[in-house]
Amino acid sequence: MHEQATALHREAAHALEGTGYRWLQGHALLGLAESRTAVGDWRGGATYLRQARPLLGTDRWMTDLRMGLVELVLSLARDERKPAIARVVALHEQAHRLGDVPAQIALHGLVTADARLGPCDGSGRGEQLAATGMRGGAVDWLTAALPEGQPLALE
């Protein structure tokens, strides 16, 4: 339903222009960045992310996570694996600092099963799933348009 999401976010972003509700407008633009990235519109995703960032500020974890994930996928779309690896490592470190296990689980899905991501290795991931009762957080909806390929191998 990415096209429907795009239409709704575009309508909201347009309606919020000039109202002074910059944070709300930024979230509508971030939603556009996510939905365009999810369907492989890399240029649109990057453009909307660039427009959203100054409206959203920083130091808001969930917003930073969403923007970071879009940046990560855009890096992978450009076959820029080193920046993508740096982004997944940084996001994972912050998720650990904040105790955000669902974010950790989602980020684990972007790396190879045997990769050590911070204090996490393949064996501990099952424990996280069991402890949270989650069957697995995932960002596959956002990465679906990427060419088939291997998850990130961490060095």
N, C-alpha and C. Protein backbone atom coordinates (compact mmCIF):
# COMPACT_ATOMS: atom_id res chain seq x y z
N MET A 1 0.82 -1.20 0.00
CA MET A 1 0.00 0.00 0.00
C MET A 1 0.86 1.26 0.00
N HIS A 2 2.05 1.14 -0.60
CA HIS A 2 2.98 2.27 -0.60
C HIS A 2 2.44 3.46 -1.40
N GLU A 3 1.75 3.19 -2.49
CA GLU A 3 1.22 4.31 -3.28
C GLU A 3 0.13 5.05 -2.51
N GLN A 4 -0.68 4.32 -1.76
CA GLN A 4 -1.70 4.95 -0.93
C GLN A 4 -1.03 5.77 0.18
N ALA A 5 0.01 5.21 0.78
CA ALA A 5 0.74 5.94 1.82
C ALA A 5 1.37 7.20 1.24
N THR A 6 1.93 7.08 0.03
CA THR A 6 2.53 8.24 -0.63
C THR A 6 1.49 9.34 -0.81
N ALA A 7 0.32 8.97 -1.28
CA ALA A 7 -0.74 9.97 -1.51
C ALA A 7 -1.15 10.65 -0.20
N LEU A 8 -1.31 9.87 0.86
CA LEU A 8 -1.70 10.45 2.14
C LEU A 8 -0.63 11.36 2.72
N HIS A 9 0.62 10.91 2.67
CA HIS A 9 1.71 11.74 3.18
C HIS A 9 1.89 13.01 2.35
N ARG A 10 1.76 12.88 1.05
CA ARG A 10 1.90 14.06 0.17
C ARG A 10 0.80 15.08 0.49
N GLU A 11 -0.42 14.60 0.66
CA GLU A 11 -1.53 15.50 0.99
C GLU A 11 -1.29 16.20 2.33
N ALA A 12 -0.82 15.44 3.32
CA ALA A 12 -0.56 16.03 4.64
C ALA A 12 0.57 17.04 4.56
N ALA A 13 1.66 16.69 3.88
CA ALA A 13 2.81 17.60 3.77
C ALA A 13 2.39 18.90 3.10
N HIS A 14 1.61 18.80 2.04
CA HIS A 14 1.15 19.98 1.32
C HIS A 14 0.24 20.84 2.22
N ALA A 15 -0.69 20.19 2.93
CA ALA A 15 -1.62 20.92 3.79
C ALA A 15 -0.89 21.64 4.93
N LEU A 16 0.25 21.10 5.36
CA LEU A 16 0.99 21.68 6.49
C LEU A 16 1.96 22.78 6.07
N GLU A 17 2.20 22.94 4.78
CA GLU A 17 3.12 23.98 4.31
C GLU A 17 2.64 25.35 4.79
N GLY A 18 3.58 26.10 5.38
CA GLY A 18 3.28 27.46 5.80
C GLY A 18 2.45 27.60 7.05
N THR A 19 2.11 26.50 7.70
CA THR A 19 1.28 26.58 8.90
C THR A 19 2.10 26.79 10.17
N GLY A 20 3.41 26.54 10.08
CA GLY A 20 4.25 26.64 11.27
C GLY A 20 4.38 25.31 12.00
N TYR A 21 3.65 24.31 11.58
CA TYR A 21 3.73 22.98 12.20
C TYR A 21 4.84 22.19 11.52
N ARG A 22 6.05 22.68 11.73
CA ARG A 22 7.21 22.12 11.04
C ARG A 22 7.45 20.65 11.39
N TRP A 23 7.28 20.28 12.65
CA TRP A 23 7.53 18.91 13.08
C TRP A 23 6.56 17.94 12.39
N LEU A 24 5.28 18.35 12.33
CA LEU A 24 4.29 17.50 11.66
C LEU A 24 4.57 17.41 10.16
N GLN A 25 4.93 18.53 9.56
CA GLN A 25 5.26 18.53 8.15
C GLN A 25 6.49 17.66 7.90
N GLY A 26 7.46 17.73 8.80
CA GLY A 26 8.66 16.90 8.67
C GLY A 26 8.33 15.42 8.71
N HIS A 27 7.40 15.05 9.58
CA HIS A 27 7.02 13.63 9.66
C HIS A 27 6.27 13.19 8.41
N ALA A 28 5.47 14.07 7.84
CA ALA A 28 4.80 13.72 6.58
C ALA A 28 5.85 13.52 5.48
N LEU A 29 6.85 14.40 5.45
CA LEU A 29 7.92 14.26 4.45
C LEU A 29 8.76 13.01 4.70
N LEU A 30 9.00 12.68 5.97
CA LEU A 30 9.72 11.45 6.29
C LEU A 30 8.91 10.23 5.85
N GLY A 31 7.61 10.27 6.04
CA GLY A 31 6.75 9.19 5.54
C GLY A 31 6.85 9.06 4.03
N LEU A 32 6.94 10.19 3.34
CA LEU A 32 7.13 10.16 1.89
C LEU A 32 8.49 9.55 1.54
N ALA A 33 9.52 9.92 2.29
CA ALA A 33 10.85 9.34 2.05
C ALA A 33 10.81 7.83 2.21
N GLU A 34 10.13 7.36 3.25
CA GLU A 34 10.03 5.91 3.48
C GLU A 34 9.26 5.22 2.37
N SER A 35 8.10 5.76 2.01
CA SER A 35 7.28 5.08 1.01
C SER A 35 7.92 5.10 -0.37
N ARG A 36 8.60 6.19 -0.72
CA ARG A 36 9.27 6.24 -2.02
C ARG A 36 10.47 5.29 -2.03
N THR A 37 11.21 5.24 -0.94
CA THR A 37 12.35 4.33 -0.85
C THR A 37 11.88 2.88 -0.94
N ALA A 38 10.78 2.58 -0.28
CA ALA A 38 10.26 1.22 -0.25
C ALA A 38 9.91 0.68 -1.63
N VAL A 39 9.55 1.58 -2.55
CA VAL A 39 9.20 1.13 -3.90
C VAL A 39 10.34 1.32 -4.90
N GLY A 40 11.52 1.70 -4.40
CA GLY A 40 12.67 1.83 -5.27
C GLY A 40 12.82 3.17 -5.96
N ASP A 41 12.07 4.16 -5.52
CA ASP A 41 12.22 5.52 -6.04
C ASP A 41 13.31 6.18 -5.20
N TRP A 42 14.57 5.84 -5.52
CA TRP A 42 15.71 6.28 -4.71
C TRP A 42 15.85 7.79 -4.71
N ARG A 43 15.67 8.41 -5.86
CA ARG A 43 15.78 9.87 -5.96
C ARG A 43 14.68 10.54 -5.12
N GLY A 44 13.46 10.04 -5.23
CA GLY A 44 12.36 10.61 -4.44
C GLY A 44 12.59 10.43 -2.95
N GLY A 45 13.04 9.23 -2.57
CA GLY A 45 13.31 8.97 -1.16
C GLY A 45 14.36 9.92 -0.61
N ALA A 46 15.44 10.11 -1.38
CA ALA A 46 16.53 11.00 -0.94
C ALA A 46 16.06 12.46 -0.87
N THR A 47 15.27 12.88 -1.84
CA THR A 47 14.77 14.25 -1.87
C THR A 47 13.87 14.53 -0.67
N TYR A 48 12.93 13.64 -0.41
CA TYR A 48 12.02 13.85 0.73
C TYR A 48 12.77 13.77 2.06
N LEU A 49 13.75 12.90 2.16
CA LEU A 49 14.55 12.82 3.39
C LEU A 49 15.29 14.13 3.61
N ARG A 50 15.88 14.66 2.54
CA ARG A 50 16.60 15.94 2.63
C ARG A 50 15.67 17.07 3.06
N GLN A 51 14.43 17.05 2.61
CA GLN A 51 13.46 18.09 2.98
C GLN A 51 12.99 17.91 4.42
N ALA A 52 12.88 16.66 4.87
CA ALA A 52 12.35 16.37 6.21
C ALA A 52 13.35 16.72 7.30
N ARG A 53 14.61 16.42 7.07
CA ARG A 53 15.64 16.53 8.12
C ARG A 53 15.64 17.88 8.85
N PRO A 54 15.68 19.03 8.16
CA PRO A 54 15.74 20.29 8.91
C PRO A 54 14.45 20.59 9.69
N LEU A 55 13.36 19.99 9.30
CA LEU A 55 12.10 20.22 10.00
C LEU A 55 11.97 19.36 11.26
N LEU A 56 12.72 18.27 11.32
CA LEU A 56 12.58 17.31 12.42
C LEU A 56 13.60 17.48 13.52
N GLY A 57 14.71 18.11 13.23
CA GLY A 57 15.74 18.25 14.25
C GLY A 57 16.43 16.92 14.52
N THR A 58 17.10 16.85 15.66
CA THR A 58 17.83 15.64 16.02
C THR A 58 17.51 15.27 17.46
N ASP A 59 18.10 14.19 17.88
CA ASP A 59 17.98 13.71 19.26
C ASP A 59 16.58 13.25 19.62
N ARG A 60 15.86 12.75 18.66
CA ARG A 60 14.58 12.09 18.91
C ARG A 60 14.73 10.70 18.33
N TRP A 61 14.93 9.73 19.20
CA TRP A 61 15.36 8.41 18.77
C TRP A 61 14.51 7.81 17.67
N MET A 62 13.22 7.77 17.82
CA MET A 62 12.41 7.09 16.81
C MET A 62 12.51 7.79 15.45
N THR A 63 12.58 9.10 15.48
CA THR A 63 12.74 9.85 14.23
C THR A 63 14.13 9.61 13.65
N ASP A 64 15.14 9.65 14.51
CA ASP A 64 16.51 9.39 14.05
C ASP A 64 16.63 7.98 13.48
N LEU A 65 15.98 7.02 14.11
CA LEU A 65 16.00 5.64 13.62
C LEU A 65 15.36 5.56 12.24
N ARG A 66 14.21 6.16 12.09
CA ARG A 66 13.52 6.13 10.78
C ARG A 66 14.38 6.78 9.70
N MET A 67 14.95 7.96 10.00
CA MET A 67 15.79 8.62 9.00
C MET A 67 17.03 7.79 8.71
N GLY A 68 17.62 7.21 9.75
CA GLY A 68 18.81 6.39 9.57
C GLY A 68 18.54 5.17 8.71
N LEU A 69 17.39 4.56 8.89
CA LEU A 69 17.05 3.39 8.07
C LEU A 69 16.86 3.76 6.61
N VAL A 70 16.24 4.90 6.36
CA VAL A 70 16.10 5.34 4.96
C VAL A 70 17.48 5.62 4.38
N GLU A 71 18.34 6.31 5.12
CA GLU A 71 19.71 6.57 4.65
C GLU A 71 20.44 5.26 4.37
N LEU A 72 20.28 4.28 5.24
CA LEU A 72 20.94 2.99 5.08
C LEU A 72 20.49 2.32 3.79
N VAL A 73 19.19 2.28 3.54
CA VAL A 73 18.67 1.64 2.33
C VAL A 73 19.12 2.40 1.09
N LEU A 74 19.13 3.73 1.16
CA LEU A 74 19.60 4.50 0.01
C LEU A 74 21.08 4.23 -0.27
N SER A 75 21.88 4.05 0.79
CA SER A 75 23.29 3.68 0.60
C SER A 75 23.40 2.33 -0.09
N LEU A 76 22.60 1.37 0.35
CA LEU A 76 22.63 0.04 -0.28
C LEU A 76 22.18 0.12 -1.74
N ALA A 77 21.21 0.95 -2.04
CA ALA A 77 20.74 1.10 -3.41
C ALA A 77 21.84 1.64 -4.32
N ARG A 78 22.72 2.46 -3.75
CA ARG A 78 23.86 3.01 -4.51
C ARG A 78 25.08 2.08 -4.43
N ASP A 79 24.91 0.92 -3.80
CA ASP A 79 25.98 -0.05 -3.59
C ASP A 79 27.13 0.54 -2.78
N GLU A 80 26.78 1.40 -1.84
CA GLU A 80 27.74 2.00 -0.93
C GLU A 80 27.67 1.23 0.38
N ARG A 81 28.37 0.10 0.42
CA ARG A 81 28.25 -0.80 1.56
C ARG A 81 28.93 -0.27 2.82
N LYS A 82 30.06 0.41 2.69
CA LYS A 82 30.74 0.91 3.88
C LYS A 82 29.88 1.92 4.65
N PRO A 83 29.28 2.91 3.99
CA PRO A 83 28.38 3.81 4.74
C PRO A 83 27.17 3.08 5.32
N ALA A 84 26.68 2.07 4.61
CA ALA A 84 25.55 1.30 5.12
C ALA A 84 25.95 0.53 6.38
N ILE A 85 27.13 -0.06 6.36
CA ILE A 85 27.61 -0.78 7.54
C ILE A 85 27.80 0.18 8.70
N ALA A 86 28.40 1.34 8.44
CA ALA A 86 28.59 2.33 9.50
C ALA A 86 27.25 2.76 10.08
N ARG A 87 26.26 2.92 9.23
CA ARG A 87 24.93 3.36 9.70
C ARG A 87 24.27 2.29 10.56
N VAL A 88 24.31 1.02 10.12
CA VAL A 88 23.68 -0.05 10.90
C VAL A 88 24.38 -0.21 12.25
N VAL A 89 25.71 -0.08 12.28
CA VAL A 89 26.45 -0.19 13.53
C VAL A 89 26.07 0.95 14.47
N ALA A 90 26.03 2.19 13.95
CA ALA A 90 25.68 3.35 14.79
C ALA A 90 24.26 3.25 15.32
N LEU A 91 23.33 2.86 14.47
CA LEU A 91 21.94 2.72 14.92
C LEU A 91 21.82 1.63 15.98
N HIS A 92 22.52 0.53 15.77
CA HIS A 92 22.47 -0.58 16.73
C HIS A 92 23.05 -0.16 18.08
N GLU A 93 24.16 0.58 18.06
CA GLU A 93 24.75 1.07 19.31
C GLU A 93 23.76 1.95 20.07
N GLN A 94 23.10 2.84 19.36
CA GLN A 94 22.11 3.72 20.00
C GLN A 94 20.93 2.92 20.52
N ALA A 95 20.48 1.93 19.76
CA ALA A 95 19.37 1.08 20.21
C ALA A 95 19.75 0.36 21.50
N HIS A 96 21.00 -0.07 21.61
CA HIS A 96 21.46 -0.71 22.85
C HIS A 96 21.50 0.27 24.00
N ARG A 97 22.02 1.47 23.75
CA ARG A 97 22.08 2.48 24.82
C ARG A 97 20.69 2.78 25.37
N LEU A 98 19.71 2.78 24.48
CA LEU A 98 18.34 3.12 24.88
C LEU A 98 17.52 1.90 25.29
N GLY A 99 18.06 0.71 25.12
CA GLY A 99 17.33 -0.50 25.46
C GLY A 99 16.18 -0.81 24.51
N ASP A 100 16.30 -0.36 23.27
CA ASP A 100 15.25 -0.57 22.26
C ASP A 100 15.48 -1.92 21.56
N VAL A 101 14.98 -2.98 22.17
CA VAL A 101 15.18 -4.33 21.64
C VAL A 101 14.49 -4.51 20.28
N PRO A 102 13.27 -4.01 20.08
CA PRO A 102 12.68 -4.17 18.73
C PRO A 102 13.54 -3.55 17.63
N ALA A 103 14.15 -2.41 17.90
CA ALA A 103 15.04 -1.81 16.89
C ALA A 103 16.26 -2.68 16.68
N GLN A 104 16.81 -3.24 17.75
CA GLN A 104 17.97 -4.12 17.63
C GLN A 104 17.63 -5.32 16.74
N ILE A 105 16.47 -5.91 17.00
CA ILE A 105 16.05 -7.08 16.22
C ILE A 105 15.90 -6.71 14.74
N ALA A 106 15.29 -5.56 14.46
CA ALA A 106 15.13 -5.13 13.07
C ALA A 106 16.49 -4.93 12.40
N LEU A 107 17.42 -4.32 13.12
CA LEU A 107 18.75 -4.08 12.57
C LEU A 107 19.52 -5.38 12.36
N HIS A 108 19.31 -6.37 13.22
CA HIS A 108 19.96 -7.67 13.04
C HIS A 108 19.54 -8.30 11.72
N GLY A 109 18.32 -8.02 11.28
CA GLY A 109 17.83 -8.57 10.03
C GLY A 109 18.55 -8.03 8.80
N LEU A 110 19.36 -6.99 8.98
CA LEU A 110 20.07 -6.40 7.86
C LEU A 110 21.49 -6.93 7.71
N VAL A 111 21.93 -7.74 8.66
CA VAL A 111 23.30 -8.27 8.63
C VAL A 111 23.25 -9.79 8.51
N THR A 112 24.38 -10.38 8.17
CA THR A 112 24.44 -11.83 8.06
C THR A 112 24.15 -12.46 9.41
N ALA A 113 23.63 -13.67 9.39
CA ALA A 113 23.21 -14.35 10.61
C ALA A 113 24.35 -14.57 11.59
N ASP A 114 25.57 -14.72 11.09
CA ASP A 114 26.71 -14.97 11.97
C ASP A 114 27.45 -13.70 12.37
N ALA A 115 26.96 -12.54 11.94
CA ALA A 115 27.65 -11.28 12.23
C ALA A 115 27.54 -10.91 13.70
N ARG A 116 28.62 -10.37 14.22
CA ARG A 116 28.61 -9.81 15.57
C ARG A 116 28.31 -8.33 15.40
N LEU A 117 27.21 -7.92 15.98
CA LEU A 117 26.78 -6.52 15.91
C LEU A 117 26.80 -5.99 17.32
N GLY A 118 27.86 -5.25 17.66
CA GLY A 118 28.04 -4.81 19.04
C GLY A 118 28.16 -6.03 19.93
N PRO A 119 27.42 -6.05 21.05
CA PRO A 119 27.50 -7.20 21.95
C PRO A 119 26.67 -8.39 21.46
N CYS A 120 26.00 -8.24 20.35
CA CYS A 120 25.09 -9.28 19.86
C CYS A 120 25.78 -10.17 18.83
N ASP A 121 25.60 -11.46 18.98
CA ASP A 121 26.03 -12.38 17.93
C ASP A 121 24.82 -13.23 17.57
N GLY A 122 24.98 -14.08 16.61
CA GLY A 122 23.86 -14.89 16.13
C GLY A 122 23.16 -15.68 17.22
N SER A 123 23.93 -16.17 18.21
CA SER A 123 23.32 -17.01 19.25
C SER A 123 22.41 -16.21 20.17
N GLY A 124 22.71 -14.94 20.41
CA GLY A 124 21.91 -14.14 21.33
C GLY A 124 20.64 -13.58 20.74
N ARG A 125 20.52 -13.63 19.43
CA ARG A 125 19.35 -13.04 18.78
C ARG A 125 18.08 -13.81 19.10
N GLY A 126 18.19 -15.11 19.18
CA GLY A 126 17.02 -15.91 19.55
C GLY A 126 16.53 -15.58 20.95
N GLU A 127 17.47 -15.32 21.84
CA GLU A 127 17.11 -14.94 23.21
C GLU A 127 16.35 -13.63 23.23
N GLN A 128 16.75 -12.68 22.39
CA GLN A 128 16.03 -11.42 22.32
C GLN A 128 14.60 -11.63 21.85
N LEU A 129 14.45 -12.44 20.83
CA LEU A 129 13.11 -12.72 20.33
C LEU A 129 12.26 -13.36 21.41
N ALA A 130 12.83 -14.31 22.11
CA ALA A 130 12.08 -15.00 23.17
C ALA A 130 11.75 -14.05 24.31
N ALA A 131 12.70 -13.20 24.68
CA ALA A 131 12.49 -12.29 25.81
C ALA A 131 11.42 -11.26 25.51
N THR A 132 11.31 -10.83 24.28
CA THR A 132 10.34 -9.79 23.94
C THR A 132 9.00 -10.37 23.50
N GLY A 133 8.98 -11.67 23.21
CA GLY A 133 7.75 -12.26 22.68
C GLY A 133 7.53 -11.91 21.22
N MET A 134 8.49 -11.24 20.63
CA MET A 134 8.36 -10.84 19.22
C MET A 134 8.72 -12.02 18.33
N ARG A 135 8.10 -12.11 17.23
CA ARG A 135 8.44 -13.13 16.26
C ARG A 135 9.46 -12.57 15.27
N GLY A 136 9.84 -11.34 15.49
CA GLY A 136 10.88 -10.72 14.67
C GLY A 136 10.45 -9.38 14.13
N GLY A 137 11.10 -8.34 14.60
CA GLY A 137 10.91 -7.03 14.01
C GLY A 137 11.64 -7.05 12.68
N ALA A 138 11.17 -6.33 11.72
CA ALA A 138 11.81 -6.37 10.41
C ALA A 138 11.60 -5.05 9.69
N VAL A 139 12.51 -4.77 8.80
CA VAL A 139 12.38 -3.61 7.91
C VAL A 139 12.34 -4.07 6.46
N ASP A 140 11.92 -5.32 6.25
CA ASP A 140 11.88 -5.85 4.89
C ASP A 140 10.91 -5.07 4.00
N TRP A 141 9.93 -4.42 4.58
CA TRP A 141 9.02 -3.58 3.79
C TRP A 141 9.78 -2.40 3.19
N LEU A 142 10.84 -1.93 3.88
CA LEU A 142 11.61 -0.80 3.41
C LEU A 142 12.72 -1.23 2.45
N THR A 143 13.20 -2.45 2.59
CA THR A 143 14.30 -2.94 1.76
C THR A 143 13.81 -3.74 0.55
N ALA A 144 12.51 -3.91 0.40
CA ALA A 144 11.96 -4.81 -0.62
C ALA A 144 12.39 -4.47 -2.04
N ALA A 145 12.62 -3.20 -2.35
CA ALA A 145 12.97 -2.82 -3.71
C ALA A 145 14.46 -2.94 -4.01
N LEU A 146 15.25 -3.25 -3.00
CA LEU A 146 16.69 -3.43 -3.25
C LEU A 146 16.90 -4.66 -4.12
N PRO A 147 17.94 -4.62 -4.96
CA PRO A 147 18.24 -5.82 -5.74
C PRO A 147 18.53 -6.98 -4.81
N GLU A 148 18.20 -8.18 -5.25
CA GLU A 148 18.50 -9.36 -4.46
C GLU A 148 19.98 -9.36 -4.12
N GLY A 149 20.29 -9.68 -2.91
CA GLY A 149 21.69 -9.70 -2.55
C GLY A 149 21.89 -10.22 -1.14
N GLN A 150 23.11 -10.19 -0.74
CA GLN A 150 23.47 -10.70 0.58
C GLN A 150 23.24 -9.63 1.63
N PRO A 151 22.89 -10.07 2.85
CA PRO A 151 22.84 -9.12 3.94
C PRO A 151 24.25 -8.54 4.16
N LEU A 152 24.32 -7.47 4.93
CA LEU A 152 25.60 -6.85 5.19
C LEU A 152 26.52 -7.76 5.98
N ALA A 153 27.70 -7.97 5.49
CA ALA A 153 28.71 -8.73 6.22
C ALA A 153 29.59 -7.72 6.94
N LEU A 154 29.63 -7.83 8.25
CA LEU A 154 30.43 -6.90 9.04
C LEU A 154 31.85 -7.41 9.13
N GLU A 155 32.79 -6.50 9.05
CA GLU A 155 34.20 -6.89 9.09
C GLU A 155 34.74 -6.76 10.49
